[in-house]
Amino acid sequence: VQLQASGGGLVQVGGYLRLTCTASRRAFAPYAMGWFRQAPGKEREFVAAVELIGDMTTYADAVKGRFTISRDNAKNTVYLQMNSLKPEDTAVYYCAEHTVGSYYYATSYDYWGQGTLVTVSS
């Protein structure tokens, strides 16, 4: 399985971006997909997760109310709509396939995309 993340870029404070993560053909669909981010000098942190069956979503407190995760199973694609962006949202954003365990931990995910850089300027 390969995950391709795209949509990052430079945006001003208060702006928006939509990230896209597309998965190559897989033998079976994962239970959930997630987005993480890693800012310079910081550890990778959980952003959001979505279950591929049903509408259950989970968000980090830092992005609740501003970010929306969604999926299109037919296209093997997961999106992250990011609104009201802040400088602290600047990071490389990664998508990943969940395997087992809490959505909040990177160790609960198996395959990872290459990351897409989001820079929010003030």
PDB file of N, CA and C in Angstrom:
ATOM      1  N   VAL A   1       0.836  -1.186   0.000  1.00  0.00           N
ATOM      2  CA  VAL A   1       0.000   0.000   0.000  1.00  0.00           C
ATOM      3  C   VAL A   1       0.880   1.249   0.000  1.00  0.00           C
ATOM      4  N   GLN A   2       0.552   2.182  -0.843  1.00  0.00           N
ATOM      5  CA  GLN A   2       1.248   3.469  -0.852  1.00  0.00           C
ATOM      6  C   GLN A   2       0.227   4.578  -0.640  1.00  0.00           C
ATOM      7  N   LEU A   3       0.603   5.533   0.191  1.00  0.00           N
ATOM      8  CA  LEU A   3      -0.252   6.669   0.468  1.00  0.00           C
ATOM      9  C   LEU A   3       0.399   7.924  -0.082  1.00  0.00           C
ATOM     10  N   GLN A   4      -0.365   8.705  -0.805  1.00  0.00           N
ATOM     11  CA  GLN A   4       0.135   9.928  -1.419  1.00  0.00           C
ATOM     12  C   GLN A   4      -0.630  11.117  -0.852  1.00  0.00           C
ATOM     13  N   ALA A   5       0.099  11.946  -0.106  1.00  0.00           N
ATOM     14  CA  ALA A   5      -0.510  13.143   0.475  1.00  0.00           C
ATOM     15  C   ALA A   5      -0.180  14.361  -0.382  1.00  0.00           C
ATOM     16  N   SER A   6      -1.139  15.245  -0.511  1.00  0.00           N
ATOM     17  CA  SER A   6      -0.937  16.459  -1.298  1.00  0.00           C
ATOM     18  C   SER A   6      -1.819  17.570  -0.767  1.00  0.00           C
ATOM     19  N   GLY A   7      -1.605  18.778  -1.288  1.00  0.00           N
ATOM     20  CA  GLY A   7      -2.455  19.906  -0.924  1.00  0.00           C
ATOM     21  C   GLY A   7      -1.828  20.910   0.004  1.00  0.00           C
ATOM     22  N   GLY A   8      -0.647  20.628   0.485  1.00  0.00           N
ATOM     23  CA  GLY A   8       0.013  21.573   1.365  1.00  0.00           C
ATOM     24  C   GLY A   8       0.462  22.821   0.612  1.00  0.00           C
ATOM     25  N   GLY A   9       0.880  23.833   1.375  1.00  0.00           N
ATOM     26  CA  GLY A   9       1.339  25.063   0.753  1.00  0.00           C
ATOM     27  C   GLY A   9       1.488  26.166   1.766  1.00  0.00           C
ATOM     28  N   LEU A  10       1.669  27.373   1.261  1.00  0.00           N
ATOM     29  CA  LEU A  10       1.824  28.555   2.097  1.00  0.00           C
ATOM     30  C   LEU A  10       0.501  29.309   2.136  1.00  0.00           C
ATOM     31  N   VAL A  11       0.041  29.617   3.333  1.00  0.00           N
ATOM     32  CA  VAL A  11      -1.225  30.319   3.496  1.00  0.00           C
ATOM     33  C   VAL A  11      -1.096  31.310   4.641  1.00  0.00           C
ATOM     34  N   GLN A  12      -1.876  32.367   4.575  1.00  0.00           N
ATOM     35  CA  GLN A  12      -1.836  33.368   5.639  1.00  0.00           C
ATOM     36  C   GLN A  12      -2.720  32.953   6.807  1.00  0.00           C
ATOM     37  N   VAL A  13      -2.464  33.553   7.930  1.00  0.00           N
ATOM     38  CA  VAL A  13      -3.283  33.293   9.119  1.00  0.00           C
ATOM     39  C   VAL A  13      -4.753  33.535   8.791  1.00  0.00           C
ATOM     40  N   GLY A  14      -5.573  32.602   9.235  1.00  0.00           N
ATOM     41  CA  GLY A  14      -6.998  32.700   8.971  1.00  0.00           C
ATOM     42  C   GLY A  14      -7.423  32.066   7.665  1.00  0.00           C
ATOM     43  N   GLY A  15      -6.473  31.651   6.866  1.00  0.00           N
ATOM     44  CA  GLY A  15      -6.768  31.041   5.584  1.00  0.00           C
ATOM     45  C   GLY A  15      -7.146  29.579   5.706  1.00  0.00           C
ATOM     46  N   TYR A  16      -7.243  28.914   4.555  1.00  0.00           N
ATOM     47  CA  TYR A  16      -7.650  27.514   4.560  1.00  0.00           C
ATOM     48  C   TYR A  16      -6.880  26.731   3.506  1.00  0.00           C
ATOM     49  N   LEU A  17      -6.828  25.433   3.735  1.00  0.00           N
ATOM     50  CA  LEU A  17      -6.247  24.484   2.790  1.00  0.00           C
ATOM     51  C   LEU A  17      -7.013  23.179   2.907  1.00  0.00           C
ATOM     52  N   ARG A  18      -6.989  22.399   1.854  1.00  0.00           N
ATOM     53  CA  ARG A  18      -7.542  21.047   1.904  1.00  0.00           C
ATOM     54  C   ARG A  18      -6.461  20.062   1.507  1.00  0.00           C
ATOM     55  N   LEU A  19      -6.155  19.172   2.416  1.00  0.00           N
ATOM     56  CA  LEU A  19      -5.182  18.129   2.144  1.00  0.00           C
ATOM     57  C   LEU A  19      -5.899  16.882   1.629  1.00  0.00           C
ATOM     58  N   THR A  20      -5.212  16.175   0.742  1.00  0.00           N
ATOM     59  CA  THR A  20      -5.765  14.951   0.162  1.00  0.00           C
ATOM     60  C   THR A  20      -4.781  13.815   0.359  1.00  0.00           C
ATOM     61  N   CYS A  21      -5.297  12.657   0.691  1.00  0.00           N
ATOM     62  CA  CYS A  21      -4.471  11.457   0.841  1.00  0.00           C
ATOM     63  C   CYS A  21      -5.122  10.347   0.029  1.00  0.00           C
ATOM     64  N   THR A  22      -4.407   9.864  -0.958  1.00  0.00           N
ATOM     65  CA  THR A  22      -4.934   8.815  -1.820  1.00  0.00           C
ATOM     66  C   THR A  22      -4.114   7.550  -1.629  1.00  0.00           C
ATOM     67  N   ALA A  23      -4.812   6.437  -1.453  1.00  0.00           N
ATOM     68  CA  ALA A  23      -4.152   5.150  -1.241  1.00  0.00           C
ATOM     69  C   ALA A  23      -4.152   4.347  -2.533  1.00  0.00           C
ATOM     70  N   SER A  24      -3.050   3.668  -2.750  1.00  0.00           N
ATOM     71  CA  SER A  24      -2.987   2.765  -3.897  1.00  0.00           C
ATOM     72  C   SER A  24      -3.853   1.550  -3.611  1.00  0.00           C
ATOM     73  N   ARG A  25      -4.002   0.694  -4.605  1.00  0.00           N
ATOM     74  CA  ARG A  25      -4.865  -0.475  -4.447  1.00  0.00           C
ATOM     75  C   ARG A  25      -4.387  -1.313  -3.256  1.00  0.00           C
ATOM     76  N   ARG A  26      -5.311  -1.802  -2.481  1.00  0.00           N
ATOM     77  CA  ARG A  26      -5.002  -2.604  -1.313  1.00  0.00           C
ATOM     78  C   ARG A  26      -5.845  -3.863  -1.325  1.00  0.00           C
ATOM     79  N   ALA A  27      -5.390  -4.865  -0.576  1.00  0.00           N
ATOM     80  CA  ALA A  27      -6.107  -6.134  -0.535  1.00  0.00           C
ATOM     81  C   ALA A  27      -7.411  -5.998   0.240  1.00  0.00           C
ATOM     82  N   PHE A  28      -7.402  -5.176   1.275  1.00  0.00           N
ATOM     83  CA  PHE A  28      -8.611  -4.934   2.050  1.00  0.00           C
ATOM     84  C   PHE A  28      -8.530  -3.530   2.617  1.00  0.00           C
ATOM     85  N   ALA A  29      -9.665  -2.948   2.896  1.00  0.00           N
ATOM     86  CA  ALA A  29      -9.686  -1.582   3.390  1.00  0.00           C
ATOM     87  C   ALA A  29      -9.378  -1.566   4.881  1.00  0.00           C
ATOM     88  N   PRO A  30      -8.609  -0.577   5.337  1.00  0.00           N
ATOM     89  CA  PRO A  30      -8.366  -0.459   6.775  1.00  0.00           C
ATOM     90  C   PRO A  30      -9.631   0.001   7.484  1.00  0.00           C
ATOM     91  N   TYR A  31      -9.650  -0.139   8.779  1.00  0.00           N
ATOM     92  CA  TYR A  31     -10.801   0.272   9.571  1.00  0.00           C
ATOM     93  C   TYR A  31     -10.899   1.790   9.643  1.00  0.00           C
ATOM     94  N   ALA A  32      -9.746   2.456   9.671  1.00  0.00           N
ATOM     95  CA  ALA A  32      -9.734   3.913   9.804  1.00  0.00           C
ATOM     96  C   ALA A  32      -8.465   4.481   9.184  1.00  0.00           C
ATOM     97  N   MET A  33      -8.526   5.769   8.907  1.00  0.00           N
ATOM     98  CA  MET A  33      -7.373   6.514   8.412  1.00  0.00           C
ATOM     99  C   MET A  33      -7.164   7.728   9.309  1.00  0.00           C
ATOM    100  N   GLY A  34      -5.933   8.171   9.385  1.00  0.00           N
ATOM    101  CA  GLY A  34      -5.656   9.318  10.237  1.00  0.00           C
ATOM    102  C   GLY A  34      -4.702  10.300   9.608  1.00  0.00           C
ATOM    103  N   TRP A  35      -4.714  11.510  10.170  1.00  0.00           N
ATOM    104  CA  TRP A  35      -3.750  12.545   9.818  1.00  0.00           C
ATOM    105  C   TRP A  35      -2.939  12.883  11.062  1.00  0.00           C
ATOM    106  N   PHE A  36      -1.652  13.009  10.871  1.00  0.00           N
ATOM    107  CA  PHE A  36      -0.735  13.468  11.907  1.00  0.00           C
ATOM    108  C   PHE A  36       0.039  14.662  11.363  1.00  0.00           C
ATOM    109  N   ARG A  37       0.713  15.370  12.241  1.00  0.00           N
ATOM    110  CA  ARG A  37       1.575  16.453  11.798  1.00  0.00           C
ATOM    111  C   ARG A  37       2.815  16.500  12.670  1.00  0.00           C
ATOM    112  N   GLN A  38       3.865  17.058  12.084  1.00  0.00           N
ATOM    113  CA  GLN A  38       5.126  17.192  12.814  1.00  0.00           C
ATOM    114  C   GLN A  38       5.737  18.535  12.496  1.00  0.00           C
ATOM    115  N   ALA A  39       5.833  19.366  13.516  1.00  0.00           N
ATOM    116  CA  ALA A  39       6.459  20.669  13.377  1.00  0.00           C
ATOM    117  C   ALA A  39       7.958  20.537  13.622  1.00  0.00           C
ATOM    118  N   PRO A  40       8.747  21.481  13.117  1.00  0.00           N
ATOM    119  CA  PRO A  40      10.200  21.407  13.317  1.00  0.00           C
ATOM    120  C   PRO A  40      10.570  21.318  14.794  1.00  0.00           C
ATOM    121  N   GLY A  41      11.395  20.339  15.129  1.00  0.00           N
ATOM    122  CA  GLY A  41      11.855  20.183  16.497  1.00  0.00           C
ATOM    123  C   GLY A  41      10.847  19.581  17.445  1.00  0.00           C
ATOM    124  N   LYS A  42       9.710  19.142  16.921  1.00  0.00           N
ATOM    125  CA  LYS A  42       8.676  18.561  17.779  1.00  0.00           C
ATOM    126  C   LYS A  42       8.350  17.147  17.349  1.00  0.00           C
ATOM    127  N   GLU A  43       7.695  16.427  18.245  1.00  0.00           N
ATOM    128  CA  GLU A  43       7.288  15.067  17.930  1.00  0.00           C
ATOM    129  C   GLU A  43       6.052  15.078  17.032  1.00  0.00           C
ATOM    130  N   ARG A  44       5.869  13.968  16.323  1.00  0.00           N
ATOM    131  CA  ARG A  44       4.685  13.828  15.498  1.00  0.00           C
ATOM    132  C   ARG A  44       3.455  13.751  16.403  1.00  0.00           C
ATOM    133  N   GLU A  45       2.408  14.485  16.025  1.00  0.00           N
ATOM    134  CA  GLU A  45       1.223  14.504  16.862  1.00  0.00           C
ATOM    135  C   GLU A  45      -0.028  14.201  16.048  1.00  0.00           C
ATOM    136  N   PHE A  46      -0.999  13.638  16.730  1.00  0.00           N
ATOM    137  CA  PHE A  46      -2.266  13.273  16.122  1.00  0.00           C
ATOM    138  C   PHE A  46      -3.066  14.523  15.769  1.00  0.00           C
ATOM    139  N   VAL A  47      -3.732  14.479  14.609  1.00  0.00           N
ATOM    140  CA  VAL A  47      -4.595  15.583  14.192  1.00  0.00           C
ATOM    141  C   VAL A  47      -6.049  15.117  14.131  1.00  0.00           C
ATOM    142  N   ALA A  48      -6.300  14.068  13.341  1.00  0.00           N
ATOM    143  CA  ALA A  48      -7.680  13.624  13.151  1.00  0.00           C
ATOM    144  C   ALA A  48      -7.687  12.206  12.595  1.00  0.00           C
ATOM    145  N   ALA A  49      -8.806  11.525  12.809  1.00  0.00           N
ATOM    146  CA  ALA A  49      -8.985  10.184  12.262  1.00  0.00           C
ATOM    147  C   ALA A  49     -10.440  10.012  11.843  1.00  0.00           C
ATOM    148  N   VAL A  50     -10.640   9.164  10.840  1.00  0.00           N
ATOM    149  CA  VAL A  50     -11.992   8.874  10.375  1.00  0.00           C
ATOM    150  C   VAL A  50     -12.124   7.376  10.134  1.00  0.00           C
ATOM    151  N   GLU A  51     -13.237   6.812  10.569  1.00  0.00           N
ATOM    152  CA  GLU A  51     -13.505   5.408  10.306  1.00  0.00           C
ATOM    153  C   GLU A  51     -14.093   5.287   8.907  1.00  0.00           C
ATOM    154  N   LEU A  52     -13.671   4.267   8.188  1.00  0.00           N
ATOM    155  CA  LEU A  52     -14.056   4.146   6.790  1.00  0.00           C
ATOM    156  C   LEU A  52     -15.450   3.550   6.621  1.00  0.00           C
ATOM    157  N   ILE A  53     -15.997   2.994   7.669  1.00  0.00           N
ATOM    158  CA  ILE A  53     -17.381   2.531   7.668  1.00  0.00           C
ATOM    159  C   ILE A  53     -18.106   3.318   8.750  1.00  0.00           C
ATOM    160  N   GLY A  54     -19.117   4.059   8.360  1.00  0.00           N
ATOM    161  CA  GLY A  54     -19.760   4.917   9.336  1.00  0.00           C
ATOM    162  C   GLY A  54     -19.164   6.313   9.298  1.00  0.00           C
ATOM    163  N   ASP A  55     -19.566   7.165  10.160  1.00  0.00           N
ATOM    164  CA  ASP A  55     -19.144   8.558  10.128  1.00  0.00           C
ATOM    165  C   ASP A  55     -18.354   8.980  11.363  1.00  0.00           C
ATOM    166  N   MET A  56     -17.837   8.019  12.088  1.00  0.00           N
ATOM    167  CA  MET A  56     -17.137   8.361  13.314  1.00  0.00           C
ATOM    168  C   MET A  56     -15.839   9.089  12.994  1.00  0.00           C
ATOM    169  N   THR A  57     -15.655  10.257  13.610  1.00  0.00           N
ATOM    170  CA  THR A  57     -14.426  11.027  13.464  1.00  0.00           C
ATOM    171  C   THR A  57     -13.883  11.381  14.841  1.00  0.00           C
ATOM    172  N   THR A  58     -12.589  11.569  14.904  1.00  0.00           N
ATOM    173  CA  THR A  58     -11.904  11.934  16.140  1.00  0.00           C
ATOM    174  C   THR A  58     -10.920  13.044  15.829  1.00  0.00           C
ATOM    175  N   TYR A  59     -10.846  14.042  16.714  1.00  0.00           N
ATOM    176  CA  TYR A  59      -9.976  15.192  16.478  1.00  0.00           C
ATOM    177  C   TYR A  59      -9.129  15.491  17.711  1.00  0.00           C
ATOM    178  N   ALA A  60      -7.966  16.024  17.451  1.00  0.00           N
ATOM    179  CA  ALA A  60      -7.163  16.580  18.535  1.00  0.00           C
ATOM    180  C   ALA A  60      -7.824  17.873  19.002  1.00  0.00           C
ATOM    181  N   ASP A  61      -7.684  18.166  20.266  1.00  0.00           N
ATOM    182  CA  ASP A  61      -8.314  19.368  20.820  1.00  0.00           C
ATOM    183  C   ASP A  61      -7.851  20.626  20.092  1.00  0.00           C
ATOM    184  N   ALA A  62      -6.611  20.627  19.640  1.00  0.00           N
ATOM    185  CA  ALA A  62      -6.039  21.831  19.017  1.00  0.00           C
ATOM    186  C   ALA A  62      -6.697  22.191  17.694  1.00  0.00           C
ATOM    187  N   VAL A  63      -7.388  21.232  17.070  1.00  0.00           N
ATOM    188  CA  VAL A  63      -7.964  21.494  15.750  1.00  0.00           C
ATOM    189  C   VAL A  63      -9.479  21.379  15.729  1.00  0.00           C
ATOM    190  N   LYS A  64     -10.082  20.980  16.821  1.00  0.00           N
ATOM    191  CA  LYS A  64     -11.542  20.838  16.868  1.00  0.00           C
ATOM    192  C   LYS A  64     -12.227  22.140  16.503  1.00  0.00           C
ATOM    193  N   GLY A  65     -13.225  22.026  15.646  1.00  0.00           N
ATOM    194  CA  GLY A  65     -13.964  23.203  15.218  1.00  0.00           C
ATOM    195  C   GLY A  65     -13.339  23.925  14.050  1.00  0.00           C
ATOM    196  N   ARG A  66     -12.103  23.596  13.713  1.00  0.00           N
ATOM    197  CA  ARG A  66     -11.430  24.248  12.579  1.00  0.00           C
ATOM    198  C   ARG A  66     -11.126  23.272  11.440  1.00  0.00           C
ATOM    199  N   PHE A  67     -10.801  22.046  11.790  1.00  0.00           N
ATOM    200  CA  PHE A  67     -10.452  21.028  10.793  1.00  0.00           C
ATOM    201  C   PHE A  67     -11.593  20.024  10.662  1.00  0.00           C
ATOM    202  N   THR A  68     -11.740  19.509   9.448  1.00  0.00           N
ATOM    203  CA  THR A  68     -12.732  18.469   9.196  1.00  0.00           C
ATOM    204  C   THR A  68     -12.099  17.365   8.377  1.00  0.00           C
ATOM    205  N   ILE A  69     -12.183  16.137   8.874  1.00  0.00           N
ATOM    206  CA  ILE A  69     -11.681  14.989   8.136  1.00  0.00           C
ATOM    207  C   ILE A  69     -12.859  14.282   7.483  1.00  0.00           C
ATOM    208  N   SER A  70     -12.644  13.824   6.265  1.00  0.00           N
ATOM    209  CA  SER A  70     -13.696  13.102   5.545  1.00  0.00           C
ATOM    210  C   SER A  70     -13.037  12.084   4.635  1.00  0.00           C
ATOM    211  N   ARG A  71     -13.859  11.204   4.066  1.00  0.00           N
ATOM    212  CA  ARG A  71     -13.304  10.163   3.199  1.00  0.00           C
ATOM    213  C   ARG A  71     -14.245   9.862   2.051  1.00  0.00           C
ATOM    214  N   ASP A  72     -13.649   9.398   0.969  1.00  0.00           N
ATOM    215  CA  ASP A  72     -14.396   8.919  -0.195  1.00  0.00           C
ATOM    216  C   ASP A  72     -13.883   7.508  -0.460  1.00  0.00           C
ATOM    217  N   ASN A  73     -14.613   6.524   0.024  1.00  0.00           N
ATOM    218  CA  ASN A  73     -14.134   5.138  -0.066  1.00  0.00           C
ATOM    219  C   ASN A  73     -13.976   4.689  -1.507  1.00  0.00           C
ATOM    220  N   ALA A  74     -14.852   5.142  -2.372  1.00  0.00           N
ATOM    221  CA  ALA A  74     -14.786   4.727  -3.778  1.00  0.00           C
ATOM    222  C   ALA A  74     -13.491   5.186  -4.439  1.00  0.00           C
ATOM    223  N   LYS A  75     -12.947   6.293  -3.949  1.00  0.00           N
ATOM    224  CA  LYS A  75     -11.709   6.829  -4.509  1.00  0.00           C
ATOM    225  C   LYS A  75     -10.489   6.496  -3.653  1.00  0.00           C
ATOM    226  N   ASN A  76     -10.696   5.727  -2.572  1.00  0.00           N
ATOM    227  CA  ASN A  76      -9.590   5.425  -1.648  1.00  0.00           C
ATOM    228  C   ASN A  76      -8.901   6.713  -1.198  1.00  0.00           C
ATOM    229  N   THR A  77      -9.685   7.704  -0.893  1.00  0.00           N
ATOM    230  CA  THR A  77      -9.142   9.026  -0.583  1.00  0.00           C
ATOM    231  C   THR A  77      -9.695   9.549   0.734  1.00  0.00           C
ATOM    232  N   VAL A  78      -8.830  10.194   1.479  1.00  0.00           N
ATOM    233  CA  VAL A  78      -9.197  10.858   2.724  1.00  0.00           C
ATOM    234  C   VAL A  78      -8.784  12.322   2.608  1.00  0.00           C
ATOM    235  N   TYR A  79      -9.626  13.201   3.134  1.00  0.00           N
ATOM    236  CA  TYR A  79      -9.381  14.632   3.045  1.00  0.00           C
ATOM    237  C   TYR A  79      -9.230  15.236   4.439  1.00  0.00           C
ATOM    238  N   LEU A  80      -8.528  16.342   4.479  1.00  0.00           N
ATOM    239  CA  LEU A  80      -8.463  17.127   5.705  1.00  0.00           C
ATOM    240  C   LEU A  80      -8.681  18.585   5.316  1.00  0.00           C
ATOM    241  N   GLN A  81      -9.863  19.075   5.610  1.00  0.00           N
ATOM    242  CA  GLN A  81     -10.180  20.479   5.362  1.00  0.00           C
ATOM    243  C   GLN A  81      -9.725  21.278   6.566  1.00  0.00           C
ATOM    244  N   MET A  82      -8.855  22.239   6.329  1.00  0.00           N
ATOM    245  CA  MET A  82      -8.285  23.025   7.420  1.00  0.00           C
ATOM    246  C   MET A  82      -8.685  24.484   7.248  1.00  0.00           C
ATOM    247  N   ASN A  83      -9.463  24.978   8.176  1.00  0.00           N
ATOM    248  CA  ASN A  83      -9.931  26.358   8.150  1.00  0.00           C
ATOM    249  C   ASN A  83      -9.345  27.142   9.321  1.00  0.00           C
ATOM    250  N   SER A  84      -9.436  28.454   9.225  1.00  0.00           N
ATOM    251  CA  SER A  84      -8.963  29.341  10.310  1.00  0.00           C
ATOM    252  C   SER A  84      -7.562  28.952  10.749  1.00  0.00           C
ATOM    253  N   LEU A  85      -6.684  28.814   9.809  1.00  0.00           N
ATOM    254  CA  LEU A  85      -5.338  28.334  10.108  1.00  0.00           C
ATOM    255  C   LEU A  85      -4.558  29.326  10.962  1.00  0.00           C
ATOM    256  N   LYS A  86      -3.738  28.765  11.834  1.00  0.00           N
ATOM    257  CA  LYS A  86      -2.924  29.536  12.758  1.00  0.00           C
ATOM    258  C   LYS A  86      -1.449  29.234  12.510  1.00  0.00           C
ATOM    259  N   PRO A  87      -0.552  30.115  12.936  1.00  0.00           N
ATOM    260  CA  PRO A  87       0.882  29.827  12.756  1.00  0.00           C
ATOM    261  C   PRO A  87       1.294  28.502  13.394  1.00  0.00           C
ATOM    262  N   GLU A  88       0.671  28.136  14.499  1.00  0.00           N
ATOM    263  CA  GLU A  88       1.025  26.886  15.176  1.00  0.00           C
ATOM    264  C   GLU A  88       0.563  25.645  14.421  1.00  0.00           C
ATOM    265  N   ASP A  89      -0.186  25.829  13.344  1.00  0.00           N
ATOM    266  CA  ASP A  89      -0.566  24.700  12.492  1.00  0.00           C
ATOM    267  C   ASP A  89       0.536  24.368  11.485  1.00  0.00           C
ATOM    268  N   THR A  90       1.555  25.206  11.422  1.00  0.00           N
ATOM    269  CA  THR A  90       2.666  24.957  10.497  1.00  0.00           C
ATOM    270  C   THR A  90       3.354  23.651  10.844  1.00  0.00           C
ATOM    271  N   ALA A  91       3.437  22.752   9.864  1.00  0.00           N
ATOM    272  CA  ALA A  91       4.011  21.424  10.088  1.00  0.00           C
ATOM    273  C   ALA A  91       3.981  20.649   8.778  1.00  0.00           C
ATOM    274  N   VAL A  92       4.658  19.522   8.798  1.00  0.00           N
ATOM    275  CA  VAL A  92       4.484  18.535   7.734  1.00  0.00           C
ATOM    276  C   VAL A  92       3.341  17.631   8.166  1.00  0.00           C
ATOM    277  N   TYR A  93       2.379  17.468   7.297  1.00  0.00           N
ATOM    278  CA  TYR A  93       1.195  16.666   7.594  1.00  0.00           C
ATOM    279  C   TYR A  93       1.310  15.314   6.896  1.00  0.00           C
ATOM    280  N   TYR A  94       1.029  14.267   7.669  1.00  0.00           N
ATOM    281  CA  TYR A  94       1.125  12.893   7.176  1.00  0.00           C
ATOM    282  C   TYR A  94      -0.229  12.203   7.307  1.00  0.00           C
ATOM    283  N   CYS A  95      -0.547  11.389   6.311  1.00  0.00           N
ATOM    284  CA  CYS A  95      -1.704  10.510   6.454  1.00  0.00           C
ATOM    285  C   CYS A  95      -1.193   9.094   6.702  1.00  0.00           C
ATOM    286  N   ALA A  96      -2.027   8.292   7.331  1.00  0.00           N
ATOM    287  CA  ALA A  96      -1.615   6.948   7.697  1.00  0.00           C
ATOM    288  C   ALA A  96      -2.816   6.041   7.831  1.00  0.00           C
ATOM    289  N   GLU A  97      -2.567   4.750   7.661  1.00  0.00           N
ATOM    290  CA  GLU A  97      -3.601   3.730   7.830  1.00  0.00           C
ATOM    291  C   GLU A  97      -3.564   3.186   9.254  1.00  0.00           C
ATOM    292  N   HIS A  98      -4.722   3.202   9.890  1.00  0.00           N
ATOM    293  CA  HIS A  98      -4.809   2.680  11.245  1.00  0.00           C
ATOM    294  C   HIS A  98      -4.844   1.156  11.229  1.00  0.00           C
ATOM    295  N   THR A  99      -4.170   0.537  12.187  1.00  0.00           N
ATOM    296  CA  THR A  99      -4.201  -0.914  12.298  1.00  0.00           C
ATOM    297  C   THR A  99      -4.920  -1.340  13.577  1.00  0.00           C
ATOM    298  N   VAL A 100      -4.354  -1.008  14.724  1.00  0.00           N
ATOM    299  CA  VAL A 100      -4.962  -1.415  15.986  1.00  0.00           C
ATOM    300  C   VAL A 100      -4.547  -0.437  17.068  1.00  0.00           C
ATOM    301  N   GLY A 101      -5.408  -0.204  18.018  1.00  0.00           N
ATOM    302  CA  GLY A 101      -5.068   0.648  19.139  1.00  0.00           C
ATOM    303  C   GLY A 101      -5.695   2.017  19.024  1.00  0.00           C
ATOM    304  N   SER A 102      -5.294   2.882  19.953  1.00  0.00           N
ATOM    305  CA  SER A 102      -5.851   4.221  20.006  1.00  0.00           C
ATOM    306  C   SER A 102      -5.519   5.040  18.754  1.00  0.00           C
ATOM    307  N   TYR A 103      -6.476   5.824  18.296  1.00  0.00           N
ATOM    308  CA  TYR A 103      -6.250   6.688  17.133  1.00  0.00           C
ATOM    309  C   TYR A 103      -5.199   7.752  17.415  1.00  0.00           C
ATOM    310  N   TYR A 104      -4.957   8.045  18.683  1.00  0.00           N
ATOM    311  CA  TYR A 104      -4.086   9.159  19.048  1.00  0.00           C
ATOM    312  C   TYR A 104      -2.599   8.848  18.947  1.00  0.00           C
ATOM    313  N   TYR A 105      -2.248   7.565  18.838  1.00  0.00           N
ATOM    314  CA  TYR A 105      -0.840   7.186  18.870  1.00  0.00           C
ATOM    315  C   TYR A 105      -0.345   6.785  17.486  1.00  0.00           C
ATOM    316  N   ALA A 106       0.807   7.306  17.101  1.00  0.00           N
ATOM    317  CA  ALA A 106       1.378   6.976  15.807  1.00  0.00           C
ATOM    318  C   ALA A 106       1.670   5.490  15.677  1.00  0.00           C
ATOM    319  N   THR A 107       1.957   4.843  16.790  1.00  0.00           N
ATOM    320  CA  THR A 107       2.251   3.405  16.762  1.00  0.00           C
ATOM    321  C   THR A 107       1.027   2.568  16.406  1.00  0.00           C
ATOM    322  N   SER A 108      -0.150   3.160  16.394  1.00  0.00           N
ATOM    323  CA  SER A 108      -1.379   2.456  16.019  1.00  0.00           C
ATOM    324  C   SER A 108      -1.591   2.431  14.511  1.00  0.00           C
ATOM    325  N   TYR A 109      -0.684   3.046  13.779  1.00  0.00           N
ATOM    326  CA  TYR A 109      -0.812   3.159  12.341  1.00  0.00           C
ATOM    327  C   TYR A 109       0.313   2.416  11.641  1.00  0.00           C
ATOM    328  N   ASP A 110      -0.001   1.888  10.482  1.00  0.00           N
ATOM    329  CA  ASP A 110       0.976   1.084   9.762  1.00  0.00           C
ATOM    330  C   ASP A 110       1.584   1.881   8.613  1.00  0.00           C
ATOM    331  N   TYR A 111       0.904   1.965   7.495  1.00  0.00           N
ATOM    332  CA  TYR A 111       1.449   2.636   6.323  1.00  0.00           C
ATOM    333  C   TYR A 111       1.315   4.156   6.468  1.00  0.00           C
ATOM    334  N   TRP A 112       2.368   4.845   6.006  1.00  0.00           N
ATOM    335  CA  TRP A 112       2.408   6.303   6.103  1.00  0.00           C
ATOM    336  C   TRP A 112       2.698   6.915   4.733  1.00  0.00           C
ATOM    337  N   GLY A 113       2.087   8.070   4.489  1.00  0.00           N
ATOM    338  CA  GLY A 113       2.412   8.824   3.298  1.00  0.00           C
ATOM    339  C   GLY A 113       3.699   9.596   3.497  1.00  0.00           C
ATOM    340  N   GLN A 114       4.138  10.299   2.465  1.00  0.00           N
ATOM    341  CA  GLN A 114       5.417  10.977   2.507  1.00  0.00           C
ATOM    342  C   GLN A 114       5.341  12.336   3.181  1.00  0.00           C
ATOM    343  N   GLY A 115       4.152  12.847   3.409  1.00  0.00           N
ATOM    344  CA  GLY A 115       4.012  14.132   4.075  1.00  0.00           C
ATOM    345  C   GLY A 115       3.871  15.275   3.098  1.00  0.00           C
ATOM    346  N   THR A 116       3.119  16.284   3.519  1.00  0.00           N
ATOM    347  CA  THR A 116       2.959  17.499   2.731  1.00  0.00           C
ATOM    348  C   THR A 116       3.090  18.686   3.681  1.00  0.00           C
ATOM    349  N   LEU A 117       3.863  19.688   3.278  1.00  0.00           N
ATOM    350  CA  LEU A 117       4.200  20.799   4.145  1.00  0.00           C
ATOM    351  C   LEU A 117       3.128  21.878   4.109  1.00  0.00           C
ATOM    352  N   VAL A 118       2.686  22.264   5.289  1.00  0.00           N
ATOM    353  CA  VAL A 118       1.753  23.373   5.455  1.00  0.00           C
ATOM    354  C   VAL A 118       2.467  24.475   6.230  1.00  0.00           C
ATOM    355  N   THR A 119       2.496  25.659   5.655  1.00  0.00           N
ATOM    356  CA  THR A 119       3.131  26.792   6.306  1.00  0.00           C
ATOM    357  C   THR A 119       2.116  27.919   6.435  1.00  0.00           C
ATOM    358  N   VAL A 120       1.891  28.359   7.658  1.00  0.00           N
ATOM    359  CA  VAL A 120       0.938  29.437   7.917  1.00  0.00           C
ATOM    360  C   VAL A 120       1.726  30.665   8.335  1.00  0.00           C
ATOM    361  N   SER A 121       1.631  31.703   7.548  1.00  0.00           N
ATOM    362  CA  SER A 121       2.398  32.924   7.813  1.00  0.00           C
ATOM    363  C   SER A 121       1.534  33.951   8.522  1.00  0.00           C
ATOM    364  N   SER A 122       2.172  34.668   9.420  1.00  0.00           N
ATOM    365  CA  SER A 122       1.448  35.700  10.188  1.00  0.00           C
ATOM    366  C   SER A 122       1.689  37.085   9.615  1.00  0.00           C
TER     367      SER A 122
END
